[in-house]
N, C-alpha and C. Protein backbone atom coordinates (compact mmCIF):
# COMPACT_ATOMS: atom_id res chain seq x y z
N MET A 1 86.58 103.36 79.82
CA MET A 1 87.64 103.72 80.87
C MET A 1 88.39 104.86 80.37
N LYS A 2 88.67 105.79 81.24
CA LYS A 2 89.41 107.04 80.96
C LYS A 2 90.83 106.76 80.76
N GLU A 3 91.46 107.33 79.76
CA GLU A 3 92.82 107.16 79.48
C GLU A 3 93.76 107.77 80.58
N GLU A 4 94.82 107.07 80.93
CA GLU A 4 95.76 107.55 81.85
C GLU A 4 96.46 108.79 81.43
N LEU A 5 96.63 109.78 82.33
CA LEU A 5 97.37 111.02 82.10
C LEU A 5 98.76 110.83 82.60
N ILE A 6 99.76 111.34 81.76
CA ILE A 6 101.11 111.20 82.19
C ILE A 6 101.89 112.54 82.14
N ASP A 7 102.72 112.65 83.13
CA ASP A 7 103.58 113.91 83.10
C ASP A 7 104.71 113.70 81.96
N VAL A 8 104.72 114.75 81.19
CA VAL A 8 105.78 114.88 80.14
C VAL A 8 107.11 115.30 80.75
N LEU A 9 108.19 114.70 80.33
CA LEU A 9 109.58 115.01 80.94
C LEU A 9 110.37 115.59 79.75
N ASN A 10 111.51 116.38 80.12
CA ASN A 10 112.43 116.70 79.11
C ASN A 10 113.51 115.58 78.98
N GLU A 11 114.47 115.74 78.17
CA GLU A 11 115.44 114.62 77.92
C GLU A 11 116.35 114.37 79.13
N ASN A 12 116.21 115.28 80.18
CA ASN A 12 116.99 115.08 81.42
C ASN A 12 116.21 114.50 82.49
N GLY A 13 114.88 114.16 82.24
CA GLY A 13 114.06 113.52 83.22
C GLY A 13 113.29 114.58 84.09
N ILE A 14 113.33 115.82 83.76
CA ILE A 14 112.66 116.91 84.51
C ILE A 14 111.30 117.11 83.97
N LYS A 15 110.27 117.23 84.90
CA LYS A 15 108.89 117.50 84.42
C LYS A 15 108.88 118.83 83.67
N THR A 16 108.16 118.81 82.57
CA THR A 16 107.96 120.08 81.76
C THR A 16 106.75 120.89 82.19
N GLY A 17 105.88 120.26 82.95
CA GLY A 17 104.56 120.93 83.29
C GLY A 17 103.55 120.55 82.39
N LYS A 18 103.83 119.77 81.27
CA LYS A 18 102.78 119.35 80.35
C LYS A 18 102.31 117.96 80.85
N VAL A 19 101.03 117.77 80.75
CA VAL A 19 100.35 116.51 81.06
C VAL A 19 99.54 116.09 79.85
N LEU A 20 99.79 114.82 79.34
CA LEU A 20 99.11 114.30 78.24
C LEU A 20 98.60 112.94 78.44
N PRO A 21 97.54 112.54 77.63
CA PRO A 21 97.11 111.17 77.66
C PRO A 21 98.24 110.20 77.20
N ARG A 22 98.26 109.01 77.82
CA ARG A 22 99.33 108.02 77.53
C ARG A 22 99.53 107.79 76.01
N SER A 23 98.43 107.69 75.31
CA SER A 23 98.51 107.38 73.81
C SER A 23 99.23 108.49 73.06
N GLU A 24 98.99 109.72 73.49
CA GLU A 24 99.57 110.88 72.86
C GLU A 24 101.14 111.02 73.17
N VAL A 25 101.48 110.64 74.45
CA VAL A 25 102.87 110.68 74.82
C VAL A 25 103.66 109.66 73.93
N HIS A 26 103.04 108.51 73.76
CA HIS A 26 103.78 107.54 72.85
C HIS A 26 103.71 107.89 71.40
N LYS A 27 102.68 108.42 70.95
CA LYS A 27 102.47 108.87 69.53
C LYS A 27 103.54 109.87 69.25
N GLN A 28 103.81 110.77 70.20
CA GLN A 28 104.78 111.99 69.90
C GLN A 28 106.17 111.54 70.29
N GLY A 29 106.31 110.42 70.92
CA GLY A 29 107.65 110.00 71.42
C GLY A 29 108.16 110.87 72.51
N LEU A 30 107.38 111.34 73.38
CA LEU A 30 107.80 112.34 74.45
C LEU A 30 108.36 111.50 75.60
N TRP A 31 109.32 112.07 76.29
CA TRP A 31 109.97 111.43 77.51
C TRP A 31 108.92 111.40 78.62
N HIS A 32 108.90 110.31 79.33
CA HIS A 32 108.11 110.10 80.54
C HIS A 32 108.75 109.02 81.46
N ARG A 33 108.13 108.81 82.61
CA ARG A 33 108.75 107.91 83.61
C ARG A 33 107.89 106.66 83.81
N ALA A 34 108.50 105.55 84.02
CA ALA A 34 107.87 104.26 84.30
C ALA A 34 108.77 103.65 85.47
N ILE A 35 108.07 102.67 86.13
CA ILE A 35 108.64 101.83 87.09
C ILE A 35 108.80 100.33 86.66
N VAL A 36 109.82 99.66 87.29
CA VAL A 36 109.99 98.27 87.10
C VAL A 36 110.26 97.66 88.46
N VAL A 37 109.47 96.66 88.92
CA VAL A 37 109.70 96.06 90.18
C VAL A 37 109.91 94.56 89.98
N ALA A 38 110.93 94.05 90.56
CA ALA A 38 111.21 92.59 90.61
C ALA A 38 110.79 92.15 92.07
N ILE A 39 109.86 91.22 92.14
CA ILE A 39 109.39 90.62 93.42
C ILE A 39 110.20 89.36 93.50
N ILE A 40 110.82 89.17 94.72
CA ILE A 40 111.66 88.02 95.01
C ILE A 40 111.21 87.36 96.22
N ASN A 41 111.02 86.02 96.25
CA ASN A 41 110.60 85.30 97.45
C ASN A 41 111.80 84.84 98.28
N GLU A 42 111.53 84.17 99.33
CA GLU A 42 112.65 83.71 100.24
C GLU A 42 113.51 82.71 99.62
N LYS A 43 113.13 82.08 98.55
CA LYS A 43 113.95 81.01 97.86
C LYS A 43 114.78 81.78 96.79
N ASN A 44 114.83 83.11 96.77
CA ASN A 44 115.53 83.88 95.77
C ASN A 44 115.05 83.61 94.37
N GLU A 45 113.72 83.33 94.23
CA GLU A 45 113.09 83.20 92.90
C GLU A 45 112.44 84.55 92.59
N ILE A 46 112.40 84.85 91.30
CA ILE A 46 111.84 86.08 90.82
C ILE A 46 110.43 85.74 90.18
N LEU A 47 109.48 86.61 90.63
CA LEU A 47 108.15 86.46 90.03
C LEU A 47 108.26 87.07 88.63
N ILE A 48 107.79 86.33 87.65
CA ILE A 48 107.70 86.89 86.24
C ILE A 48 106.23 86.68 85.81
N GLN A 49 105.82 87.51 84.87
CA GLN A 49 104.44 87.52 84.31
C GLN A 49 104.52 87.36 82.83
N GLN A 50 103.56 86.59 82.34
CA GLN A 50 103.36 86.54 80.91
C GLN A 50 102.36 87.53 80.44
N ARG A 51 102.75 88.52 79.61
CA ARG A 51 101.98 89.67 79.24
C ARG A 51 100.70 89.08 78.35
N SER A 52 99.64 89.76 78.51
CA SER A 52 98.42 89.38 77.80
C SER A 52 98.64 89.39 76.29
N ALA A 53 97.91 88.62 75.53
CA ALA A 53 98.00 88.57 74.06
C ALA A 53 97.56 89.87 73.46
N ASN A 54 96.65 90.67 74.16
CA ASN A 54 96.11 91.87 73.55
C ASN A 54 96.91 93.09 73.91
N LYS A 55 98.09 92.91 74.51
CA LYS A 55 98.99 94.18 74.78
C LYS A 55 99.43 94.72 73.42
N GLU A 56 99.67 96.05 73.40
CA GLU A 56 100.08 96.73 72.22
C GLU A 56 101.57 96.48 71.89
N LYS A 57 102.35 96.10 72.87
CA LYS A 57 103.75 95.83 72.75
C LYS A 57 104.11 94.56 73.53
N ASN A 58 105.01 93.79 73.06
CA ASN A 58 105.52 92.68 73.76
C ASN A 58 104.41 91.66 74.22
N ALA A 59 103.43 91.52 73.40
CA ALA A 59 102.28 90.56 73.71
C ALA A 59 102.83 89.18 73.84
N ASN A 60 102.32 88.46 74.79
CA ASN A 60 102.69 87.01 75.03
C ASN A 60 104.07 86.83 75.59
N MET A 61 104.87 87.89 75.73
CA MET A 61 106.25 87.78 76.22
C MET A 61 106.26 87.64 77.72
N TRP A 62 107.18 87.02 78.35
CA TRP A 62 107.37 87.03 79.73
C TRP A 62 108.14 88.26 80.20
N ASP A 63 107.74 88.83 81.38
CA ASP A 63 108.27 90.13 81.82
C ASP A 63 108.63 90.08 83.29
N ILE A 64 109.30 91.06 83.73
CA ILE A 64 109.63 91.13 85.07
C ILE A 64 108.30 91.26 85.92
N SER A 65 108.32 91.12 87.26
CA SER A 65 107.13 91.00 88.02
C SER A 65 106.09 92.05 87.79
N VAL A 66 106.60 93.40 87.81
CA VAL A 66 105.58 94.50 87.62
C VAL A 66 106.30 95.68 86.86
N ALA A 67 105.52 96.21 85.90
CA ALA A 67 106.08 97.37 85.24
C ALA A 67 104.84 98.22 84.90
N GLY A 68 105.15 99.59 84.88
CA GLY A 68 104.09 100.49 84.46
C GLY A 68 104.49 101.90 84.49
N HIS A 69 103.64 102.73 83.96
CA HIS A 69 103.93 104.22 83.88
C HIS A 69 103.51 104.90 85.17
N LEU A 70 104.15 105.93 85.44
CA LEU A 70 103.77 106.93 86.51
C LEU A 70 102.58 107.73 85.97
N SER A 71 101.53 107.72 86.75
CA SER A 71 100.35 108.58 86.34
C SER A 71 100.71 109.94 86.70
N ALA A 72 100.15 110.93 86.09
CA ALA A 72 100.46 112.33 86.38
C ALA A 72 100.30 112.68 87.92
N GLY A 73 101.36 113.30 88.43
CA GLY A 73 101.44 113.75 89.81
C GLY A 73 101.98 112.59 90.71
N GLN A 74 102.08 111.42 90.25
CA GLN A 74 102.68 110.34 91.12
C GLN A 74 104.24 110.40 91.20
N ASP A 75 104.76 109.84 92.27
CA ASP A 75 106.18 109.49 92.31
C ASP A 75 106.35 108.04 92.08
N SER A 76 107.59 107.66 91.87
CA SER A 76 107.84 106.23 91.57
C SER A 76 107.37 105.19 92.56
N LEU A 77 107.49 105.55 93.87
CA LEU A 77 107.03 104.56 94.84
C LEU A 77 105.50 104.45 94.85
N GLN A 78 104.81 105.49 94.66
CA GLN A 78 103.33 105.42 94.59
C GLN A 78 102.98 104.65 93.34
N ALA A 79 103.65 104.78 92.23
CA ALA A 79 103.29 104.06 91.05
C ALA A 79 103.70 102.61 91.16
N ALA A 80 104.79 102.29 91.85
CA ALA A 80 105.15 100.80 92.05
C ALA A 80 104.06 100.19 92.87
N ASN A 81 103.69 100.80 93.98
CA ASN A 81 102.61 100.24 94.84
C ASN A 81 101.31 100.14 94.00
N ARG A 82 100.91 101.06 93.26
CA ARG A 82 99.68 100.95 92.52
C ARG A 82 99.70 99.87 91.40
N GLU A 83 100.88 99.85 90.68
CA GLU A 83 100.99 98.78 89.64
C GLU A 83 100.96 97.40 90.31
N ILE A 84 101.49 97.15 91.47
CA ILE A 84 101.42 95.84 92.09
C ILE A 84 100.04 95.53 92.41
N SER A 85 99.28 96.46 92.91
CA SER A 85 97.84 96.15 93.29
C SER A 85 97.03 95.99 92.02
N GLU A 86 97.44 96.67 90.87
CA GLU A 86 96.68 96.42 89.63
C GLU A 86 97.00 95.12 88.90
N GLU A 87 98.25 94.81 88.77
CA GLU A 87 98.68 93.71 88.00
C GLU A 87 98.77 92.37 88.73
N VAL A 88 99.28 92.46 89.95
CA VAL A 88 99.46 91.25 90.74
C VAL A 88 98.86 91.46 92.16
N THR A 89 97.91 90.66 92.54
CA THR A 89 97.29 90.83 93.83
C THR A 89 97.97 89.98 94.77
N VAL A 90 98.57 90.50 95.77
CA VAL A 90 99.34 89.71 96.82
C VAL A 90 98.37 89.50 97.98
N CYS A 91 98.01 88.25 98.27
CA CYS A 91 97.09 87.87 99.31
C CYS A 91 97.78 87.27 100.41
N LEU A 92 98.59 88.13 101.17
CA LEU A 92 99.40 87.68 102.31
C LEU A 92 98.77 87.97 103.64
N GLY A 93 97.64 88.68 103.66
CA GLY A 93 97.08 89.09 104.94
C GLY A 93 97.69 90.45 105.49
N TYR A 94 98.66 90.98 104.72
CA TYR A 94 99.15 92.33 105.10
C TYR A 94 99.47 93.11 103.87
N ASN A 95 99.57 94.44 104.07
CA ASN A 95 99.82 95.31 102.96
C ASN A 95 101.29 95.45 102.67
N ILE A 96 101.62 95.62 101.39
CA ILE A 96 103.05 95.99 101.09
C ILE A 96 103.16 97.42 101.39
N GLU A 97 104.25 97.90 102.05
CA GLU A 97 104.51 99.30 102.38
C GLU A 97 105.62 99.91 101.49
N VAL A 98 105.65 101.10 101.37
CA VAL A 98 106.62 101.87 100.61
C VAL A 98 108.09 101.46 101.16
N LYS A 99 108.17 101.30 102.44
CA LYS A 99 109.52 100.99 103.06
C LYS A 99 110.01 99.66 102.65
N ASP A 100 109.12 98.76 102.06
CA ASP A 100 109.49 97.44 101.64
C ASP A 100 110.26 97.45 100.28
N PHE A 101 110.14 98.49 99.58
CA PHE A 101 110.78 98.63 98.20
C PHE A 101 112.27 99.01 98.38
N ARG A 102 113.15 98.38 97.65
CA ARG A 102 114.57 98.79 97.65
C ARG A 102 114.86 99.39 96.24
N PHE A 103 115.16 100.67 96.22
CA PHE A 103 115.50 101.28 94.98
C PHE A 103 116.80 100.89 94.49
N MET A 104 116.92 100.38 93.19
CA MET A 104 118.19 99.97 92.71
C MET A 104 118.87 101.06 91.88
N PHE A 105 118.19 101.57 90.82
CA PHE A 105 118.82 102.57 89.98
C PHE A 105 117.78 103.04 89.00
N SER A 106 118.08 104.13 88.25
CA SER A 106 117.28 104.63 87.20
C SER A 106 118.05 104.54 85.86
N PHE A 107 117.33 104.35 84.85
CA PHE A 107 117.97 104.28 83.52
C PHE A 107 116.96 104.85 82.48
N ARG A 108 117.53 105.21 81.32
CA ARG A 108 116.54 105.72 80.24
C ARG A 108 116.75 104.83 79.05
N LYS A 109 115.65 104.75 78.31
CA LYS A 109 115.62 103.79 77.21
C LYS A 109 114.70 104.38 76.06
N GLN A 110 115.20 104.21 74.85
CA GLN A 110 114.42 104.71 73.70
C GLN A 110 114.14 103.46 72.85
N GLN A 111 112.87 103.29 72.48
CA GLN A 111 112.46 102.17 71.59
C GLN A 111 111.32 102.66 70.67
N VAL A 112 111.40 102.15 69.44
CA VAL A 112 110.34 102.45 68.47
C VAL A 112 109.64 101.12 68.18
N PHE A 113 108.41 101.08 68.42
CA PHE A 113 107.58 99.93 68.22
C PHE A 113 106.78 99.97 66.90
N SER A 114 106.32 101.17 66.62
CA SER A 114 105.70 101.48 65.33
C SER A 114 105.71 103.00 65.12
N GLU A 115 105.19 103.42 64.05
CA GLU A 115 105.28 104.85 63.70
C GLU A 115 104.39 105.67 64.74
N ASN A 116 103.36 105.03 65.33
CA ASN A 116 102.55 105.77 66.37
C ASN A 116 102.85 105.25 67.78
N PHE A 117 103.95 104.49 67.94
CA PHE A 117 104.25 104.06 69.28
C PHE A 117 105.69 104.12 69.52
N ILE A 118 106.23 105.29 70.03
CA ILE A 118 107.50 105.53 70.31
C ILE A 118 107.72 105.61 71.87
N GLU A 119 108.63 104.86 72.36
CA GLU A 119 108.79 104.88 73.82
C GLU A 119 110.16 105.61 74.21
N ASN A 120 110.07 106.73 74.85
CA ASN A 120 111.20 107.38 75.36
C ASN A 120 110.89 107.44 76.88
N GLN A 121 111.54 106.52 77.59
CA GLN A 121 111.19 106.39 79.08
C GLN A 121 112.44 106.45 79.93
N PHE A 122 112.19 107.08 81.12
CA PHE A 122 113.07 106.89 82.26
C PHE A 122 112.44 105.87 83.08
N TYR A 123 113.23 104.86 83.51
CA TYR A 123 112.73 103.77 84.32
C TYR A 123 113.40 103.92 85.73
N ASP A 124 112.60 103.65 86.78
CA ASP A 124 113.12 103.48 88.13
C ASP A 124 112.89 102.06 88.52
N PHE A 125 114.00 101.35 88.86
CA PHE A 125 113.98 99.94 89.13
C PHE A 125 114.06 99.65 90.64
N PHE A 126 113.14 98.81 91.09
CA PHE A 126 112.99 98.53 92.53
C PHE A 126 113.01 96.98 92.71
N ILE A 127 113.52 96.48 93.75
CA ILE A 127 113.40 95.13 94.23
C ILE A 127 112.49 95.11 95.47
N LEU A 128 111.59 94.09 95.51
CA LEU A 128 110.70 93.90 96.58
C LEU A 128 110.80 92.49 97.01
N ARG A 129 111.43 92.24 98.21
CA ARG A 129 111.63 90.93 98.75
C ARG A 129 110.39 90.64 99.62
N GLN A 130 109.75 89.55 99.47
CA GLN A 130 108.60 89.12 100.21
C GLN A 130 108.75 87.69 100.71
N ILE A 131 108.54 87.41 101.97
CA ILE A 131 108.53 86.07 102.46
C ILE A 131 107.08 85.48 102.46
N GLY A 132 107.04 84.17 102.16
CA GLY A 132 105.76 83.51 102.12
C GLY A 132 104.91 83.81 100.81
N ILE A 133 105.56 84.27 99.86
CA ILE A 133 104.85 84.54 98.66
C ILE A 133 105.06 83.46 97.66
N ASN A 134 103.92 82.94 97.01
CA ASN A 134 104.03 81.96 95.94
C ASN A 134 102.83 82.06 95.07
N GLU A 135 102.77 81.23 93.98
CA GLU A 135 101.66 81.37 93.05
C GLU A 135 100.33 81.13 93.60
N ASN A 136 100.23 80.36 94.72
CA ASN A 136 99.00 80.01 95.41
C ASN A 136 98.32 81.25 96.17
N ASN A 137 99.23 82.31 96.52
CA ASN A 137 98.61 83.37 97.25
C ASN A 137 98.77 84.72 96.44
N LEU A 138 98.83 84.51 95.14
CA LEU A 138 98.79 85.64 94.12
C LEU A 138 97.67 85.49 93.17
N GLY A 139 97.22 86.69 92.80
CA GLY A 139 96.25 86.76 91.75
C GLY A 139 96.77 87.71 90.72
N PHE A 140 96.19 87.78 89.44
CA PHE A 140 96.59 88.77 88.56
C PHE A 140 95.51 89.26 87.68
N GLN A 141 95.75 90.47 87.14
CA GLN A 141 94.70 91.14 86.28
C GLN A 141 94.65 90.45 84.92
N LYS A 142 93.61 89.81 84.60
CA LYS A 142 93.48 89.03 83.40
C LYS A 142 93.67 89.87 82.11
N GLU A 143 93.25 91.08 82.16
CA GLU A 143 93.37 92.03 81.00
C GLU A 143 94.88 92.39 80.65
N GLU A 144 95.69 92.28 81.70
CA GLU A 144 97.10 92.70 81.61
C GLU A 144 98.03 91.45 81.50
N VAL A 145 97.73 90.41 82.23
CA VAL A 145 98.61 89.31 82.50
C VAL A 145 97.90 87.98 82.26
N GLN A 146 98.53 87.05 81.48
CA GLN A 146 97.86 85.76 81.32
C GLN A 146 98.42 84.59 82.17
N ALA A 147 99.55 84.77 82.78
CA ALA A 147 100.19 83.73 83.61
C ALA A 147 101.29 84.42 84.47
N ILE A 148 101.51 83.74 85.57
CA ILE A 148 102.63 84.19 86.45
C ILE A 148 103.36 82.91 86.94
N LYS A 149 104.66 83.04 87.30
CA LYS A 149 105.45 81.99 87.83
C LYS A 149 106.63 82.55 88.45
N PHE A 150 107.20 81.78 89.41
CA PHE A 150 108.51 82.09 90.03
C PHE A 150 109.58 81.33 89.33
N VAL A 151 110.67 82.00 89.05
CA VAL A 151 111.87 81.27 88.38
C VAL A 151 113.10 81.59 89.15
N ASN A 152 114.06 80.75 89.11
CA ASN A 152 115.39 81.00 89.72
C ASN A 152 116.23 81.86 88.69
N ILE A 153 117.30 82.37 89.04
CA ILE A 153 118.05 83.21 88.14
C ILE A 153 118.62 82.50 87.00
N SER A 154 118.92 81.23 87.13
CA SER A 154 119.42 80.46 86.02
C SER A 154 118.31 80.33 84.99
N THR A 155 117.08 80.07 85.27
CA THR A 155 115.92 79.94 84.41
C THR A 155 115.74 81.30 83.78
N LEU A 156 115.77 82.28 84.60
CA LEU A 156 115.54 83.70 84.03
C LEU A 156 116.59 84.00 82.89
N ASN A 157 117.88 83.67 83.20
CA ASN A 157 118.91 83.92 82.17
C ASN A 157 118.72 83.01 80.92
N GLU A 158 118.29 81.76 81.10
CA GLU A 158 117.95 80.96 80.02
C GLU A 158 116.85 81.53 79.08
N MET A 159 115.81 82.02 79.73
CA MET A 159 114.71 82.61 79.10
C MET A 159 115.20 83.89 78.38
N ARG A 160 116.08 84.56 78.97
CA ARG A 160 116.64 85.76 78.31
C ARG A 160 117.47 85.39 77.07
N GLU A 161 118.27 84.37 77.11
CA GLU A 161 118.97 83.88 75.93
C GLU A 161 118.11 83.38 74.84
N ASN A 162 116.91 82.81 75.21
CA ASN A 162 115.96 82.32 74.24
C ASN A 162 114.99 83.37 73.71
N ASN A 163 115.24 84.66 74.10
CA ASN A 163 114.36 85.80 73.67
C ASN A 163 112.87 85.55 74.09
N GLU A 164 112.70 85.00 75.33
CA GLU A 164 111.34 84.77 75.80
C GLU A 164 110.96 86.02 76.77
N LEU A 165 111.86 86.80 77.10
CA LEU A 165 111.63 87.90 78.00
C LEU A 165 111.59 89.25 77.36
N VAL A 166 110.71 90.16 77.77
CA VAL A 166 110.76 91.49 77.45
C VAL A 166 112.20 92.06 77.62
N GLU A 167 112.67 92.82 76.71
CA GLU A 167 114.02 93.36 76.92
C GLU A 167 114.18 94.36 77.96
N ARG A 168 114.74 93.88 79.00
CA ARG A 168 115.06 94.78 80.18
C ARG A 168 116.45 94.34 80.79
N ASP A 169 117.44 94.38 79.87
CA ASP A 169 118.75 93.98 80.17
C ASP A 169 119.41 94.58 81.40
N GLU A 170 119.10 95.87 81.62
CA GLU A 170 119.67 96.61 82.81
C GLU A 170 119.17 95.94 84.00
N CYS A 171 117.89 95.57 84.02
CA CYS A 171 117.23 94.97 85.22
C CYS A 171 117.71 93.62 85.50
N TYR A 172 117.71 92.72 84.42
CA TYR A 172 118.19 91.37 84.59
C TYR A 172 119.66 91.23 84.99
N ASP A 173 120.50 92.22 84.47
CA ASP A 173 121.86 92.18 84.80
C ASP A 173 121.97 92.47 86.31
N ALA A 174 121.25 93.51 86.83
CA ALA A 174 121.27 93.96 88.19
C ALA A 174 120.68 92.77 89.14
N LEU A 175 119.57 92.12 88.62
CA LEU A 175 119.10 91.01 89.42
C LEU A 175 120.10 89.90 89.61
N THR A 176 120.84 89.59 88.52
CA THR A 176 121.84 88.55 88.57
C THR A 176 122.96 88.91 89.56
N ASP A 177 123.40 90.14 89.49
CA ASP A 177 124.48 90.60 90.47
C ASP A 177 123.88 90.62 91.89
N TYR A 178 122.71 91.06 92.03
CA TYR A 178 122.05 91.12 93.44
C TYR A 178 121.90 89.81 94.02
N LEU A 179 121.29 88.84 93.28
CA LEU A 179 121.09 87.49 93.79
C LEU A 179 122.36 86.64 94.08
N PHE A 180 123.39 86.94 93.31
CA PHE A 180 124.63 86.19 93.53
C PHE A 180 125.46 86.84 94.73
N ARG A 181 125.12 88.04 95.13
CA ARG A 181 125.80 88.65 96.29
C ARG A 181 125.13 88.25 97.61
N ILE A 182 123.92 87.83 97.63
CA ILE A 182 123.29 87.62 98.94
C ILE A 182 123.47 86.11 99.32
């Protein structure tokens, strides 16, 4: 499988014109962009996924519905749509459209996982509300995800306190605010 190419950004989130393989971006600790999507059903439950045991970071941890890098030349909405189709297959009889995504905010984060894995990322966070979605009409990519489930905000916050979730405090805080307002 060919390695994903990623647009390199400067520290302000502007494309530099350089495109490198994902592994090289992380090895050098270069800035790049990723998306995070919280899928919420009509019961105001959030879809979470358990990351595969073979992932290079946060293996076996529970994570927000969908997250991933922007491939070179993509915008955030294109990446969000692609990542949903790659990681979680929604079998509702209709396609998710770009207009269905609600942009929440962008944030930047720096994390060092190892000497050869440095993450300097700008994240774009979206919420995707879907009616009629449940574990029975979802599939997932076995290489990326080992389990999925819907949880309410109280359970999500308990999992957060117990360090069962990938660290995405900005997103979890926004989800808590969002779900308590509606």
